Amino acid sequence: MWWIIDNILQFFNHLFETFWRSCIIYRISFAYPEELILDTKEAILKKARRLFAKHGYDGVSIRTICEKIPCNVSAISYHFGSKEGLYSECFRLEGHDLQAIIATVLTDPENQADFKTKLSLFLNQFFEHSFKNRETILIIGKDVGSKSAMESMEKIFKVIPDGITRFLQIAQDRHILNKNLNINFMCSYLIDPLFMQILFLEQSKPKRNFSDSHVRQDFIEQLLAIFFRGVF
């Protein structure tokens, strides 16, 4: 007799626990639908990018990131090792993507027409990628004055000016570009306006509709038109 009552009690206890867990899961999924879809690592990266873009490296703590997910502080150590590791990971994929674009597009120019075609294709792809990942540009803008942050970024993004400078230098060595040009200045002329357009997109008045890809392409065409007038 007692074993029957004990089994009945265990059954209802199990039923109650299942119901209670279901309620908790429902409440959490209602409060944090986006984070539950992503795994922990991706959720941390996504939230960290937003916070770094808004407050900069020095303005965001590990505890703040974990409270926003929410997750345990140990998850940062497990996935990224440290705050600096998390910060670097926010850029790593973008850095690899840009490195691939440089390696694929900015191959050695054969002549002036080839130089124009490759540079135009690269700047359009670079601008498109940077626009779609503009949180990265905002983080860079926030952290210009942070030594530790800039060291992390330089490890990843140094490939961009290096790749463009190499392409321009080869063009100059092959007498495609004017021999009197300062290659480093030319690199800055091409890249800096793209960063600035994205960085101050929301502050510009009147706002340029860079959400339209045709407007972005038109901007690149005008930039190159001016550039090509003085480099050959």
Protein backbone atom coordinates (compact mmCIF):
# COMPACT_ATOMS: atom_id res chain seq x y z
CA MET A 1 0.00 0.00 0.00
CA TRP A 2 2.71 2.47 0.99
CA TRP A 3 4.72 1.83 -2.16
CA ILE A 4 1.66 2.77 -4.24
CA ILE A 5 1.28 6.07 -2.37
CA ASP A 6 5.04 6.69 -2.68
CA ASN A 7 4.89 6.15 -6.47
CA ILE A 8 1.93 8.49 -6.77
CA LEU A 9 3.77 11.19 -4.78
CA GLN A 10 6.89 10.78 -6.96
CA PHE A 11 4.76 11.05 -10.08
CA PHE A 12 3.15 14.32 -8.96
CA ASN A 13 6.50 15.66 -7.77
CA HIS A 14 7.99 14.96 -11.19
CA LEU A 15 4.97 16.53 -12.88
CA PHE A 16 5.29 19.66 -10.72
CA GLU A 17 9.03 20.00 -11.44
CA THR A 18 8.44 19.66 -15.20
CA PHE A 19 5.71 22.28 -15.10
CA TRP A 20 7.88 24.69 -13.05
CA ARG A 21 10.86 24.34 -15.39
CA SER A 22 8.61 24.98 -18.37
CA CYS A 23 7.38 28.19 -16.76
CA ILE A 24 10.94 29.36 -16.12
CA ILE A 25 12.04 28.59 -19.69
CA TYR A 26 8.99 30.41 -21.05
CA ARG A 27 9.74 33.49 -18.92
CA ILE A 28 13.41 33.55 -19.94
CA SER A 29 12.66 33.06 -23.64
CA PHE A 30 10.13 35.87 -23.47
CA ALA A 31 12.62 38.20 -21.81
CA TYR A 32 15.68 37.22 -23.90
CA PRO A 33 14.47 35.75 -27.23
CA GLU A 34 17.45 36.89 -29.29
CA GLU A 35 20.17 35.67 -26.95
CA LEU A 36 18.59 32.22 -26.56
CA ILE A 37 18.63 31.70 -30.32
CA LEU A 38 22.39 32.33 -30.38
CA ASP A 39 24.89 30.22 -28.53
CA THR A 40 26.66 31.79 -25.58
CA LYS A 41 29.79 32.80 -27.48
CA GLU A 42 27.89 34.55 -30.27
CA ALA A 43 25.58 36.23 -27.76
CA ILE A 44 28.59 37.62 -25.88
CA LEU A 45 30.22 38.86 -29.10
CA LYS A 46 27.05 40.53 -30.31
CA LYS A 47 26.43 42.33 -27.02
CA ALA A 48 30.11 43.24 -26.59
CA ARG A 49 30.26 44.87 -30.05
CA ARG A 50 27.26 47.03 -29.24
CA LEU A 51 28.64 48.09 -25.86
CA PHE A 52 32.16 48.76 -27.18
CA ALA A 53 30.70 50.80 -30.06
CA LYS A 54 28.73 52.92 -27.59
CA HIS A 55 31.17 53.25 -24.69
CA GLY A 56 34.60 52.21 -25.97
CA TYR A 57 37.02 49.63 -24.57
CA ASP A 58 37.72 51.44 -21.29
CA GLY A 59 34.04 52.24 -20.72
CA VAL A 60 32.83 48.63 -20.67
CA SER A 61 33.56 46.05 -17.99
CA ILE A 62 33.32 42.27 -18.23
CA ARG A 63 30.66 42.32 -15.52
CA THR A 64 28.54 44.80 -17.52
CA ILE A 65 28.66 42.57 -20.60
CA CYS A 66 27.69 39.50 -18.58
CA GLU A 67 24.79 41.31 -16.92
CA LYS A 68 23.41 42.32 -20.32
CA ILE A 69 23.48 38.77 -21.77
CA PRO A 70 22.98 37.44 -18.99
CA CYS A 71 25.77 34.91 -18.44
CA ASN A 72 28.41 34.00 -15.89
CA VAL A 73 31.68 35.96 -15.84
CA SER A 74 33.55 32.67 -16.26
CA ALA A 75 32.02 32.37 -19.76
CA ILE A 76 34.23 35.25 -20.92
CA SER A 77 37.35 33.50 -19.65
CA TYR A 78 36.25 30.20 -21.19
CA HIS A 79 35.52 31.56 -24.68
CA PHE A 80 37.94 34.49 -24.98
CA GLY A 81 40.48 34.27 -22.16
CA SER A 82 40.19 37.92 -21.13
CA LYS A 83 38.56 41.25 -21.91
CA GLU A 84 41.33 41.98 -24.42
CA GLY A 85 40.71 38.60 -26.05
CA LEU A 86 37.00 39.36 -26.34
CA TYR A 87 37.76 42.81 -27.77
CA SER A 88 40.10 41.33 -30.40
CA GLU A 89 37.57 38.67 -31.32
CA CYS A 90 35.05 41.42 -32.10
CA PHE A 91 37.32 42.41 -35.01
CA ARG A 92 38.88 39.11 -36.03
CA LEU A 93 36.32 38.02 -38.62
CA GLU A 94 36.13 41.49 -40.17
CA GLY A 95 39.92 41.56 -40.35
CA HIS A 96 40.05 38.18 -42.08
CA ASP A 97 37.34 39.22 -44.54
CA LEU A 98 39.21 42.40 -45.47
CA GLN A 99 42.46 40.49 -45.78
CA ALA A 100 40.75 38.10 -48.20
CA ILE A 101 39.43 41.02 -50.27
CA ILE A 102 42.91 42.54 -50.48
CA ALA A 103 44.53 39.24 -51.43
CA THR A 104 41.90 38.51 -54.08
CA VAL A 105 41.42 41.95 -55.65
CA LEU A 106 44.64 43.92 -55.17
CA THR A 107 46.88 41.66 -57.23
CA ASP A 108 49.82 43.24 -59.08
CA PRO A 109 48.52 45.77 -61.65
CA GLU A 110 49.63 45.20 -65.25
CA ASN A 111 48.83 48.63 -66.69
CA GLN A 112 46.84 51.79 -66.02
CA ALA A 113 43.48 50.28 -67.00
CA ASP A 114 44.12 47.23 -64.85
CA PHE A 115 45.16 49.48 -61.95
CA LYS A 116 41.93 51.50 -62.20
CA THR A 117 39.73 48.41 -62.41
CA LYS A 118 41.30 46.67 -59.41
CA LEU A 119 41.38 49.77 -57.20
CA SER A 120 37.76 50.60 -58.00
CA LEU A 121 36.62 47.04 -57.29
CA PHE A 122 38.55 46.95 -54.02
CA LEU A 123 37.22 50.28 -52.70
CA ASN A 124 33.64 49.32 -53.52
CA GLN A 125 33.98 45.97 -51.73
CA PHE A 126 35.83 47.58 -48.83
CA PHE A 127 33.17 50.27 -48.42
CA GLU A 128 30.33 47.75 -48.64
CA HIS A 129 31.92 45.50 -46.05
CA SER A 130 32.73 48.41 -43.71
CA PHE A 131 29.20 49.82 -44.05
CA LYS A 132 27.59 46.48 -43.19
CA ASN A 133 29.94 46.10 -40.20
CA ARG A 134 29.87 49.75 -39.14
CA GLU A 135 29.82 48.86 -35.44
CA THR A 136 33.50 48.07 -35.96
CA ILE A 137 34.13 51.56 -37.34
CA LEU A 138 32.29 53.09 -34.39
CA ILE A 139 34.46 51.13 -31.98
CA ILE A 140 37.60 52.35 -33.75
CA GLY A 141 36.32 55.92 -33.51
CA LYS A 142 35.63 55.51 -29.80
CA ASP A 143 38.99 53.98 -28.97
CA VAL A 144 41.45 56.14 -30.90
CA GLY A 145 42.83 57.43 -27.60
CA SER A 146 43.06 54.04 -25.87
CA LYS A 147 46.55 52.53 -26.12
CA SER A 148 45.52 48.98 -25.21
CA ALA A 149 42.57 49.07 -27.61
CA MET A 150 44.62 50.46 -30.49
CA GLU A 151 47.27 47.77 -29.99
CA SER A 152 44.59 45.09 -30.33
CA MET A 153 43.15 46.70 -33.46
CA GLU A 154 46.53 47.24 -35.08
CA LYS A 155 47.32 43.52 -34.89
CA ILE A 156 44.25 42.82 -37.02
CA PHE A 157 43.78 45.84 -39.27
CA LYS A 158 47.39 46.67 -40.13
CA VAL A 159 46.90 44.42 -43.14
CA ILE A 160 44.65 47.07 -44.77
CA PRO A 161 47.11 49.98 -45.14
CA ASP A 162 49.93 47.48 -45.76
CA GLY A 163 48.01 45.82 -48.61
CA ILE A 164 46.98 49.09 -50.24
CA THR A 165 50.47 50.59 -49.87
CA ARG A 166 51.99 47.51 -51.49
CA PHE A 167 49.56 47.74 -54.42
CA LEU A 168 50.30 51.44 -54.95
CA GLN A 169 54.05 50.90 -54.61
CA ILE A 170 54.08 48.18 -57.27
CA ALA A 171 52.09 50.48 -59.58
CA GLN A 172 54.64 53.24 -59.01
CA ASP A 173 57.58 50.89 -59.58
CA ARG A 174 56.01 49.83 -62.88
CA HIS A 175 55.65 53.48 -63.90
CA ILE A 176 51.86 53.33 -63.79
CA LEU A 177 51.76 56.02 -61.09
CA ASN A 178 53.68 59.28 -60.98
CA LYS A 179 57.11 58.63 -59.43
CA ASN A 180 56.88 61.78 -57.26
CA LEU A 181 53.79 60.65 -55.36
CA ASN A 182 53.98 59.91 -51.64
CA ILE A 183 52.44 56.44 -51.44
CA ASN A 184 51.55 56.69 -47.74
CA PHE A 185 49.63 59.92 -48.34
CA MET A 186 47.79 58.32 -51.26
CA CYS A 187 46.78 55.38 -49.06
CA SER A 188 45.33 57.74 -46.44
CA TYR A 189 43.51 59.72 -49.13
CA LEU A 190 41.71 56.59 -50.30
CA ILE A 191 40.80 55.02 -46.95
CA ASP A 192 40.23 57.90 -44.52
CA PRO A 193 37.17 59.39 -46.32
CA LEU A 194 35.41 56.02 -46.25
CA PHE A 195 35.95 55.63 -42.51
CA MET A 196 34.85 59.20 -41.88
CA GLN A 197 31.66 58.86 -43.91
CA ILE A 198 30.62 55.84 -41.85
CA LEU A 199 31.82 57.27 -38.54
CA PHE A 200 29.86 60.50 -38.87
CA LEU A 201 26.94 59.08 -40.84
CA GLU A 202 24.37 59.83 -38.12
CA GLN A 203 25.83 63.25 -37.30
CA SER A 204 25.94 64.56 -40.86
CA LYS A 205 23.39 67.24 -41.78
CA PRO A 206 21.77 66.83 -44.18
CA LYS A 207 22.17 63.09 -43.83
CA ARG A 208 23.43 61.28 -46.91
CA ASN A 209 21.39 58.21 -47.71
CA PHE A 210 24.26 55.71 -47.56
CA SER A 211 21.77 52.92 -46.94
CA ASP A 212 21.31 53.08 -50.72
CA SER A 213 24.10 51.10 -52.41
CA HIS A 214 23.93 53.40 -55.45
CA VAL A 215 24.81 56.38 -53.25
CA ARG A 216 27.80 54.49 -51.87
CA GLN A 217 28.95 53.58 -55.39
CA ASP A 218 28.56 57.19 -56.50
CA PHE A 219 30.71 58.34 -53.58
CA ILE A 220 33.48 55.90 -54.59
CA GLU A 221 33.31 57.03 -58.23
CA GLN A 222 33.70 60.68 -57.24
CA LEU A 223 36.56 59.87 -54.87
CA LEU A 224 38.40 57.93 -57.59
CA ALA A 225 37.71 60.55 -60.26
CA ILE A 226 39.62 63.11 -58.18
CA PHE A 227 42.33 60.59 -57.30
CA PHE A 228 42.96 59.51 -60.90
CA ARG A 229 43.37 63.11 -62.10
CA GLY A 230 46.55 63.59 -60.14
CA VAL A 231 48.33 60.23 -59.93
CA PHE A 232 49.27 59.35 -63.54
